[in-house]
Amino acid sequence: MAIELEIFTVADLKTLRDELRGSGLDQFQAAELIGSFLTQRGYGVSNQDARLAASRMEQVGGDLAAMRLELNQIAWMM
């Protein structure tokens, strides 16, 4: 049984979700926003992973648990 750490708070995820939804960003801009979100919290991400995550996050429709899982999968320690 794997233990999943909650490295992103619900408040952080809601803020990111609202920014992604409300700003009318294309996939590349959304990827930049995700990259910035992770960098501000001490994590790195590849541009390709951020673009894929932006696409997948759009598909889940703002589900916070799915967003957390996606971010946990792409974020790496700096």
PDB file of N, CA and C in Angstrom:
ATOM      1  N   MET A   1       0.845  -1.179   0.000  1.00  0.00           N
ATOM      2  CA  MET A   1       0.000   0.000   0.000  1.00  0.00           C
ATOM      3  C   MET A   1       0.892   1.245   0.000  1.00  0.00           C
ATOM      4  N   ALA A   2       0.700   2.097  -0.999  1.00  0.00           N
ATOM      5  CA  ALA A   2       1.495   3.316  -1.116  1.00  0.00           C
ATOM      6  C   ALA A   2       0.831   4.442  -0.332  1.00  0.00           C
ATOM      7  N   ILE A   3       1.663   5.238   0.287  1.00  0.00           N
ATOM      8  CA  ILE A   3       1.181   6.403   1.013  1.00  0.00           C
ATOM      9  C   ILE A   3       1.391   7.619   0.134  1.00  0.00           C
ATOM     10  N   GLU A   4       0.316   8.357  -0.125  1.00  0.00           N
ATOM     11  CA  GLU A   4       0.412   9.552  -0.950  1.00  0.00           C
ATOM     12  C   GLU A   4       0.470  10.780  -0.054  1.00  0.00           C
ATOM     13  N   LEU A   5       1.530  11.541  -0.199  1.00  0.00           N
ATOM     14  CA  LEU A   5       1.678  12.764   0.577  1.00  0.00           C
ATOM     15  C   LEU A   5       0.868  13.884  -0.061  1.00  0.00           C
ATOM     16  N   GLU A   6       0.269  14.698   0.761  1.00  0.00           N
ATOM     17  CA  GLU A   6      -0.470  15.846   0.263  1.00  0.00           C
ATOM     18  C   GLU A   6       0.456  17.057   0.295  1.00  0.00           C
ATOM     19  N   ILE A   7       1.213  17.209  -0.780  1.00  0.00           N
ATOM     20  CA  ILE A   7       2.193  18.290  -0.819  1.00  0.00           C
ATOM     21  C   ILE A   7       1.579  19.600  -1.293  1.00  0.00           C
ATOM     22  N   PHE A   8       0.345  19.544  -1.798  1.00  0.00           N
ATOM     23  CA  PHE A   8      -0.358  20.747  -2.237  1.00  0.00           C
ATOM     24  C   PHE A   8      -1.643  20.861  -1.438  1.00  0.00           C
ATOM     25  N   THR A   9      -1.842  22.007  -0.828  1.00  0.00           N
ATOM     26  CA  THR A   9      -3.023  22.204  -0.001  1.00  0.00           C
ATOM     27  C   THR A   9      -4.265  22.373  -0.879  1.00  0.00           C
ATOM     28  N   VAL A  10      -5.406  22.173  -0.278  1.00  0.00           N
ATOM     29  CA  VAL A  10      -6.666  22.375  -0.985  1.00  0.00           C
ATOM     30  C   VAL A  10      -6.762  23.827  -1.459  1.00  0.00           C
ATOM     31  N   ALA A  11      -6.348  24.752  -0.617  1.00  0.00           N
ATOM     32  CA  ALA A  11      -6.383  26.168  -0.999  1.00  0.00           C
ATOM     33  C   ALA A  11      -5.500  26.428  -2.217  1.00  0.00           C
ATOM     34  N   ASP A  12      -4.301  25.836  -2.237  1.00  0.00           N
ATOM     35  CA  ASP A  12      -3.404  25.992  -3.390  1.00  0.00           C
ATOM     36  C   ASP A  12      -4.052  25.439  -4.654  1.00  0.00           C
ATOM     37  N   LEU A  13      -4.646  24.261  -4.528  1.00  0.00           N
ATOM     38  CA  LEU A  13      -5.271  23.625  -5.686  1.00  0.00           C
ATOM     39  C   LEU A  13      -6.465  24.425  -6.190  1.00  0.00           C
ATOM     40  N   LYS A  14      -7.259  24.965  -5.277  1.00  0.00           N
ATOM     41  CA  LYS A  14      -8.401  25.784  -5.691  1.00  0.00           C
ATOM     42  C   LYS A  14      -7.935  27.043  -6.409  1.00  0.00           C
ATOM     43  N   THR A  15      -6.877  27.652  -5.897  1.00  0.00           N
ATOM     44  CA  THR A  15      -6.336  28.849  -6.543  1.00  0.00           C
ATOM     45  C   THR A  15      -5.863  28.524  -7.954  1.00  0.00           C
ATOM     46  N   LEU A  16      -5.115  27.437  -8.096  1.00  0.00           N
ATOM     47  CA  LEU A  16      -4.637  27.034  -9.417  1.00  0.00           C
ATOM     48  C   LEU A  16      -5.810  26.734 -10.336  1.00  0.00           C
ATOM     49  N   ARG A  17      -6.794  25.983  -9.853  1.00  0.00           N
ATOM     50  CA  ARG A  17      -7.964  25.641 -10.660  1.00  0.00           C
ATOM     51  C   ARG A  17      -8.675  26.910 -11.137  1.00  0.00           C
ATOM     52  N   ASP A  18      -8.877  27.858 -10.233  1.00  0.00           N
ATOM     53  CA  ASP A  18      -9.570  29.092 -10.588  1.00  0.00           C
ATOM     54  C   ASP A  18      -8.787  29.899 -11.618  1.00  0.00           C
ATOM     55  N   GLU A  19      -7.464  29.930 -11.478  1.00  0.00           N
ATOM     56  CA  GLU A  19      -6.631  30.649 -12.442  1.00  0.00           C
ATOM     57  C   GLU A  19      -6.670  29.972 -13.811  1.00  0.00           C
ATOM     58  N   LEU A  20      -6.647  28.645 -13.813  1.00  0.00           N
ATOM     59  CA  LEU A  20      -6.700  27.921 -15.079  1.00  0.00           C
ATOM     60  C   LEU A  20      -8.052  28.103 -15.763  1.00  0.00           C
ATOM     61  N   ARG A  21      -9.112  28.095 -14.993  1.00  0.00           N
ATOM     62  CA  ARG A  21     -10.464  28.228 -15.555  1.00  0.00           C
ATOM     63  C   ARG A  21     -10.772  29.647 -16.009  1.00  0.00           C
ATOM     64  N   GLY A  22     -10.398  30.615 -15.202  1.00  0.00           N
ATOM     65  CA  GLY A  22     -10.861  31.976 -15.410  1.00  0.00           C
ATOM     66  C   GLY A  22     -10.056  32.828 -16.365  1.00  0.00           C
ATOM     67  N   SER A  23      -8.927  32.351 -16.807  1.00  0.00           N
ATOM     68  CA  SER A  23      -8.062  33.225 -17.584  1.00  0.00           C
ATOM     69  C   SER A  23      -8.057  32.944 -19.083  1.00  0.00           C
ATOM     70  N   GLY A  24      -8.784  31.938 -19.547  1.00  0.00           N
ATOM     71  CA  GLY A  24      -8.867  31.657 -20.971  1.00  0.00           C
ATOM     72  C   GLY A  24      -7.531  31.335 -21.616  1.00  0.00           C
ATOM     73  N   LEU A  25      -6.694  30.598 -20.907  1.00  0.00           N
ATOM     74  CA  LEU A  25      -5.354  30.270 -21.392  1.00  0.00           C
ATOM     75  C   LEU A  25      -5.384  29.141 -22.412  1.00  0.00           C
ATOM     76  N   ASP A  26      -4.464  29.193 -23.362  1.00  0.00           N
ATOM     77  CA  ASP A  26      -4.282  28.032 -24.233  1.00  0.00           C
ATOM     78  C   ASP A  26      -3.408  27.014 -23.499  1.00  0.00           C
ATOM     79  N   GLN A  27      -3.164  25.876 -24.126  1.00  0.00           N
ATOM     80  CA  GLN A  27      -2.433  24.794 -23.458  1.00  0.00           C
ATOM     81  C   GLN A  27      -1.013  25.215 -23.058  1.00  0.00           C
ATOM     82  N   PHE A  28      -0.352  25.982 -23.883  1.00  0.00           N
ATOM     83  CA  PHE A  28       1.016  26.409 -23.568  1.00  0.00           C
ATOM     84  C   PHE A  28       1.039  27.401 -22.402  1.00  0.00           C
ATOM     85  N   GLN A  29       0.087  28.314 -22.395  1.00  0.00           N
ATOM     86  CA  GLN A  29       0.000  29.272 -21.291  1.00  0.00           C
ATOM     87  C   GLN A  29      -0.376  28.568 -19.989  1.00  0.00           C
ATOM     88  N   ALA A  30      -1.288  27.597 -20.081  1.00  0.00           N
ATOM     89  CA  ALA A  30      -1.667  26.823 -18.900  1.00  0.00           C
ATOM     90  C   ALA A  30      -0.472  26.044 -18.369  1.00  0.00           C
ATOM     91  N   ALA A  31       0.340  25.518 -19.266  1.00  0.00           N
ATOM     92  CA  ALA A  31       1.545  24.791 -18.851  1.00  0.00           C
ATOM     93  C   ALA A  31       2.517  25.727 -18.138  1.00  0.00           C
ATOM     94  N   GLU A  32       2.648  26.953 -18.624  1.00  0.00           N
ATOM     95  CA  GLU A  32       3.509  27.937 -17.957  1.00  0.00           C
ATOM     96  C   GLU A  32       2.988  28.254 -16.563  1.00  0.00           C
ATOM     97  N   LEU A  33       1.676  28.376 -16.429  1.00  0.00           N
ATOM     98  CA  LEU A  33       1.074  28.638 -15.133  1.00  0.00           C
ATOM     99  C   LEU A  33       1.326  27.482 -14.170  1.00  0.00           C
ATOM    100  N   ILE A  34       1.177  26.267 -14.649  1.00  0.00           N
ATOM    101  CA  ILE A  34       1.442  25.079 -13.818  1.00  0.00           C
ATOM    102  C   ILE A  34       2.905  25.043 -13.413  1.00  0.00           C
ATOM    103  N   GLY A  35       3.802  25.322 -14.361  1.00  0.00           N
ATOM    104  CA  GLY A  35       5.225  25.359 -14.047  1.00  0.00           C
ATOM    105  C   GLY A  35       5.549  26.408 -13.003  1.00  0.00           C
ATOM    106  N   SER A  36       4.942  27.569 -13.126  1.00  0.00           N
ATOM    107  CA  SER A  36       5.152  28.638 -12.153  1.00  0.00           C
ATOM    108  C   SER A  36       4.610  28.245 -10.783  1.00  0.00           C
ATOM    109  N   PHE A  37       3.436  27.639 -10.764  1.00  0.00           N
ATOM    110  CA  PHE A  37       2.822  27.158  -9.527  1.00  0.00           C
ATOM    111  C   PHE A  37       3.774  26.206  -8.798  1.00  0.00           C
ATOM    112  N   LEU A  38       4.331  25.264  -9.541  1.00  0.00           N
ATOM    113  CA  LEU A  38       5.241  24.286  -8.934  1.00  0.00           C
ATOM    114  C   LEU A  38       6.544  24.936  -8.485  1.00  0.00           C
ATOM    115  N   THR A  39       7.095  25.823  -9.306  1.00  0.00           N
ATOM    116  CA  THR A  39       8.351  26.483  -8.969  1.00  0.00           C
ATOM    117  C   THR A  39       8.220  27.314  -7.699  1.00  0.00           C
ATOM    118  N   GLN A  40       7.113  28.003  -7.550  1.00  0.00           N
ATOM    119  CA  GLN A  40       6.882  28.820  -6.358  1.00  0.00           C
ATOM    120  C   GLN A  40       6.826  27.975  -5.090  1.00  0.00           C
ATOM    121  N   ARG A  41       6.561  26.694  -5.253  1.00  0.00           N
ATOM    122  CA  ARG A  41       6.474  25.794  -4.102  1.00  0.00           C
ATOM    123  C   ARG A  41       7.705  24.898  -3.967  1.00  0.00           C
ATOM    124  N   GLY A  42       8.756  25.218  -4.727  1.00  0.00           N
ATOM    125  CA  GLY A  42      10.017  24.516  -4.597  1.00  0.00           C
ATOM    126  C   GLY A  42      10.158  23.256  -5.431  1.00  0.00           C
ATOM    127  N   TYR A  43       9.323  23.112  -6.450  1.00  0.00           N
ATOM    128  CA  TYR A  43       9.371  21.934  -7.312  1.00  0.00           C
ATOM    129  C   TYR A  43       9.695  22.342  -8.733  1.00  0.00           C
ATOM    130  N   GLY A  44      10.180  21.405  -9.494  1.00  0.00           N
ATOM    131  CA  GLY A  44      10.441  21.614 -10.902  1.00  0.00           C
ATOM    132  C   GLY A  44       9.518  20.746 -11.727  1.00  0.00           C
ATOM    133  N   VAL A  45       9.482  21.020 -13.022  1.00  0.00           N
ATOM    134  CA  VAL A  45       8.672  20.231 -13.951  1.00  0.00           C
ATOM    135  C   VAL A  45       9.207  20.481 -15.352  1.00  0.00           C
ATOM    136  N   SER A  46       9.159  19.465 -16.173  1.00  0.00           N
ATOM    137  CA  SER A  46       9.562  19.669 -17.566  1.00  0.00           C
ATOM    138  C   SER A  46       8.422  20.352 -18.309  1.00  0.00           C
ATOM    139  N   ASN A  47       8.757  21.078 -19.358  1.00  0.00           N
ATOM    140  CA  ASN A  47       7.740  21.763 -20.158  1.00  0.00           C
ATOM    141  C   ASN A  47       6.752  20.766 -20.754  1.00  0.00           C
ATOM    142  N   GLN A  48       7.261  19.646 -21.228  1.00  0.00           N
ATOM    143  CA  GLN A  48       6.399  18.631 -21.833  1.00  0.00           C
ATOM    144  C   GLN A  48       5.425  18.062 -20.803  1.00  0.00           C
ATOM    145  N   ASP A  49       5.916  17.753 -19.608  1.00  0.00           N
ATOM    146  CA  ASP A  49       5.038  17.230 -18.556  1.00  0.00           C
ATOM    147  C   ASP A  49       3.981  18.258 -18.157  1.00  0.00           C
ATOM    148  N   ALA A  50       4.368  19.524 -18.111  1.00  0.00           N
ATOM    149  CA  ALA A  50       3.415  20.576 -17.754  1.00  0.00           C
ATOM    150  C   ALA A  50       2.329  20.702 -18.814  1.00  0.00           C
ATOM    151  N   ARG A  51       2.693  20.588 -20.090  1.00  0.00           N
ATOM    152  CA  ARG A  51       1.686  20.654 -21.162  1.00  0.00           C
ATOM    153  C   ARG A  51       0.731  19.462 -21.088  1.00  0.00           C
ATOM    154  N   LEU A  52       1.269  18.277 -20.851  1.00  0.00           N
ATOM    155  CA  LEU A  52       0.410  17.095 -20.722  1.00  0.00           C
ATOM    156  C   LEU A  52      -0.511  17.220 -19.514  1.00  0.00           C
ATOM    157  N   ALA A  53       0.028  17.738 -18.417  1.00  0.00           N
ATOM    158  CA  ALA A  53      -0.774  17.921 -17.212  1.00  0.00           C
ATOM    159  C   ALA A  53      -1.886  18.931 -17.456  1.00  0.00           C
ATOM    160  N   ALA A  54      -1.580  20.009 -18.170  1.00  0.00           N
ATOM    161  CA  ALA A  54      -2.601  21.022 -18.473  1.00  0.00           C
ATOM    162  C   ALA A  54      -3.742  20.392 -19.257  1.00  0.00           C
ATOM    163  N   SER A  55      -3.397  19.566 -20.207  1.00  0.00           N
ATOM    164  CA  SER A  55      -4.418  18.894 -21.008  1.00  0.00           C
ATOM    165  C   SER A  55      -5.257  17.947 -20.152  1.00  0.00           C
ATOM    166  N   ARG A  56      -4.606  17.159 -19.323  1.00  0.00           N
ATOM    167  CA  ARG A  56      -5.333  16.203 -18.474  1.00  0.00           C
ATOM    168  C   ARG A  56      -6.171  16.924 -17.424  1.00  0.00           C
ATOM    169  N   MET A  57      -5.663  18.033 -16.878  1.00  0.00           N
ATOM    170  CA  MET A  57      -6.430  18.780 -15.887  1.00  0.00           C
ATOM    171  C   MET A  57      -7.693  19.374 -16.504  1.00  0.00           C
ATOM    172  N   GLU A  58      -7.592  19.779 -17.751  1.00  0.00           N
ATOM    173  CA  GLU A  58      -8.777  20.301 -18.436  1.00  0.00           C
ATOM    174  C   GLU A  58      -9.832  19.204 -18.562  1.00  0.00           C
ATOM    175  N   GLN A  59      -9.396  17.985 -18.806  1.00  0.00           N
ATOM    176  CA  GLN A  59     -10.315  16.862 -18.977  1.00  0.00           C
ATOM    177  C   GLN A  59     -11.026  16.473 -17.685  1.00  0.00           C
ATOM    178  N   VAL A  60     -10.377  16.655 -16.532  1.00  0.00           N
ATOM    179  CA  VAL A  60     -11.001  16.250 -15.262  1.00  0.00           C
ATOM    180  C   VAL A  60     -11.950  17.308 -14.730  1.00  0.00           C
ATOM    181  N   GLY A  61     -12.008  18.447 -15.375  1.00  0.00           N
ATOM    182  CA  GLY A  61     -12.985  19.459 -15.020  1.00  0.00           C
ATOM    183  C   GLY A  61     -12.831  20.084 -13.652  1.00  0.00           C
ATOM    184  N   GLY A  62     -11.627  20.216 -13.163  1.00  0.00           N
ATOM    185  CA  GLY A  62     -11.414  20.898 -11.890  1.00  0.00           C
ATOM    186  C   GLY A  62     -11.525  20.026 -10.667  1.00  0.00           C
ATOM    187  N   ASP A  63     -11.551  18.715 -10.836  1.00  0.00           N
ATOM    188  CA  ASP A  63     -11.571  17.803  -9.695  1.00  0.00           C
ATOM    189  C   ASP A  63     -10.252  17.930  -8.934  1.00  0.00           C
ATOM    190  N   LEU A  64     -10.330  18.386  -7.685  1.00  0.00           N
ATOM    191  CA  LEU A  64      -9.112  18.687  -6.921  1.00  0.00           C
ATOM    192  C   LEU A  64      -8.255  17.449  -6.660  1.00  0.00           C
ATOM    193  N   ALA A  65      -8.879  16.313  -6.383  1.00  0.00           N
ATOM    194  CA  ALA A  65      -8.111  15.086  -6.137  1.00  0.00           C
ATOM    195  C   ALA A  65      -7.343  14.673  -7.392  1.00  0.00           C
ATOM    196  N   ALA A  66      -7.977  14.803  -8.548  1.00  0.00           N
ATOM    197  CA  ALA A  66      -7.310  14.467  -9.808  1.00  0.00           C
ATOM    198  C   ALA A  66      -6.185  15.453 -10.106  1.00  0.00           C
ATOM    199  N   MET A  67      -6.421  16.733  -9.798  1.00  0.00           N
ATOM    200  CA  MET A  67      -5.366  17.736  -9.994  1.00  0.00           C
ATOM    201  C   MET A  67      -4.181  17.440  -9.090  1.00  0.00           C
ATOM    202  N   ARG A  68      -4.454  17.115  -7.829  1.00  0.00           N
ATOM    203  CA  ARG A  68      -3.373  16.800  -6.879  1.00  0.00           C
ATOM    204  C   ARG A  68      -2.560  15.609  -7.387  1.00  0.00           C
ATOM    205  N   LEU A  69      -3.240  14.579  -7.827  1.00  0.00           N
ATOM    206  CA  LEU A  69      -2.554  13.393  -8.332  1.00  0.00           C
ATOM    207  C   LEU A  69      -1.676  13.754  -9.528  1.00  0.00           C
ATOM    208  N   GLU A  70      -2.216  14.542 -10.431  1.00  0.00           N
ATOM    209  CA  GLU A  70      -1.460  14.957 -11.614  1.00  0.00           C
ATOM    210  C   GLU A  70      -0.212  15.739 -11.226  1.00  0.00           C
ATOM    211  N   LEU A  71      -0.371  16.698 -10.329  1.00  0.00           N
ATOM    212  CA  LEU A  71       0.781  17.504  -9.895  1.00  0.00           C
ATOM    213  C   LEU A  71       1.812  16.657  -9.160  1.00  0.00           C
ATOM    214  N   ASN A  72       1.341  15.735  -8.325  1.00  0.00           N
ATOM    215  CA  ASN A  72       2.270  14.843  -7.615  1.00  0.00           C
ATOM    216  C   ASN A  72       3.078  14.001  -8.582  1.00  0.00           C
ATOM    217  N   GLN A  73       2.481  13.634  -9.709  1.00  0.00           N
ATOM    218  CA  GLN A  73       3.166  12.783 -10.686  1.00  0.00           C
ATOM    219  C   GLN A  73       4.211  13.542 -11.491  1.00  0.00           C
ATOM    220  N   ILE A  74       3.996  14.836 -11.706  1.00  0.00           N
ATOM    221  CA  ILE A  74       4.930  15.568 -12.577  1.00  0.00           C
ATOM    222  C   ILE A  74       5.961  16.400 -11.832  1.00  0.00           C
ATOM    223  N   ALA A  75       5.681  16.711 -10.563  1.00  0.00           N
ATOM    224  CA  ALA A  75       6.584  17.571  -9.790  1.00  0.00           C
ATOM    225  C   ALA A  75       7.826  16.797  -9.357  1.00  0.00           C
ATOM    226  N   TRP A  76       8.977  17.446  -9.446  1.00  0.00           N
ATOM    227  CA  TRP A  76      10.196  16.835  -8.938  1.00  0.00           C
ATOM    228  C   TRP A  76      10.923  17.842  -8.067  1.00  0.00           C
ATOM    229  N   MET A  77      11.613  17.290  -7.086  1.00  0.00           N
ATOM    230  CA  MET A  77      12.322  18.138  -6.111  1.00  0.00           C
ATOM    231  C   MET A  77      13.461  18.857  -6.794  1.00  0.00           C
ATOM    232  N   MET A  78      13.650  20.110  -6.399  1.00  0.00           N
ATOM    233  CA  MET A  78      14.756  20.904  -6.952  1.00  0.00           C
ATOM    234  C   MET A  78      15.898  20.922  -5.972  1.00  0.00           C
TER     235      MET A  78
END
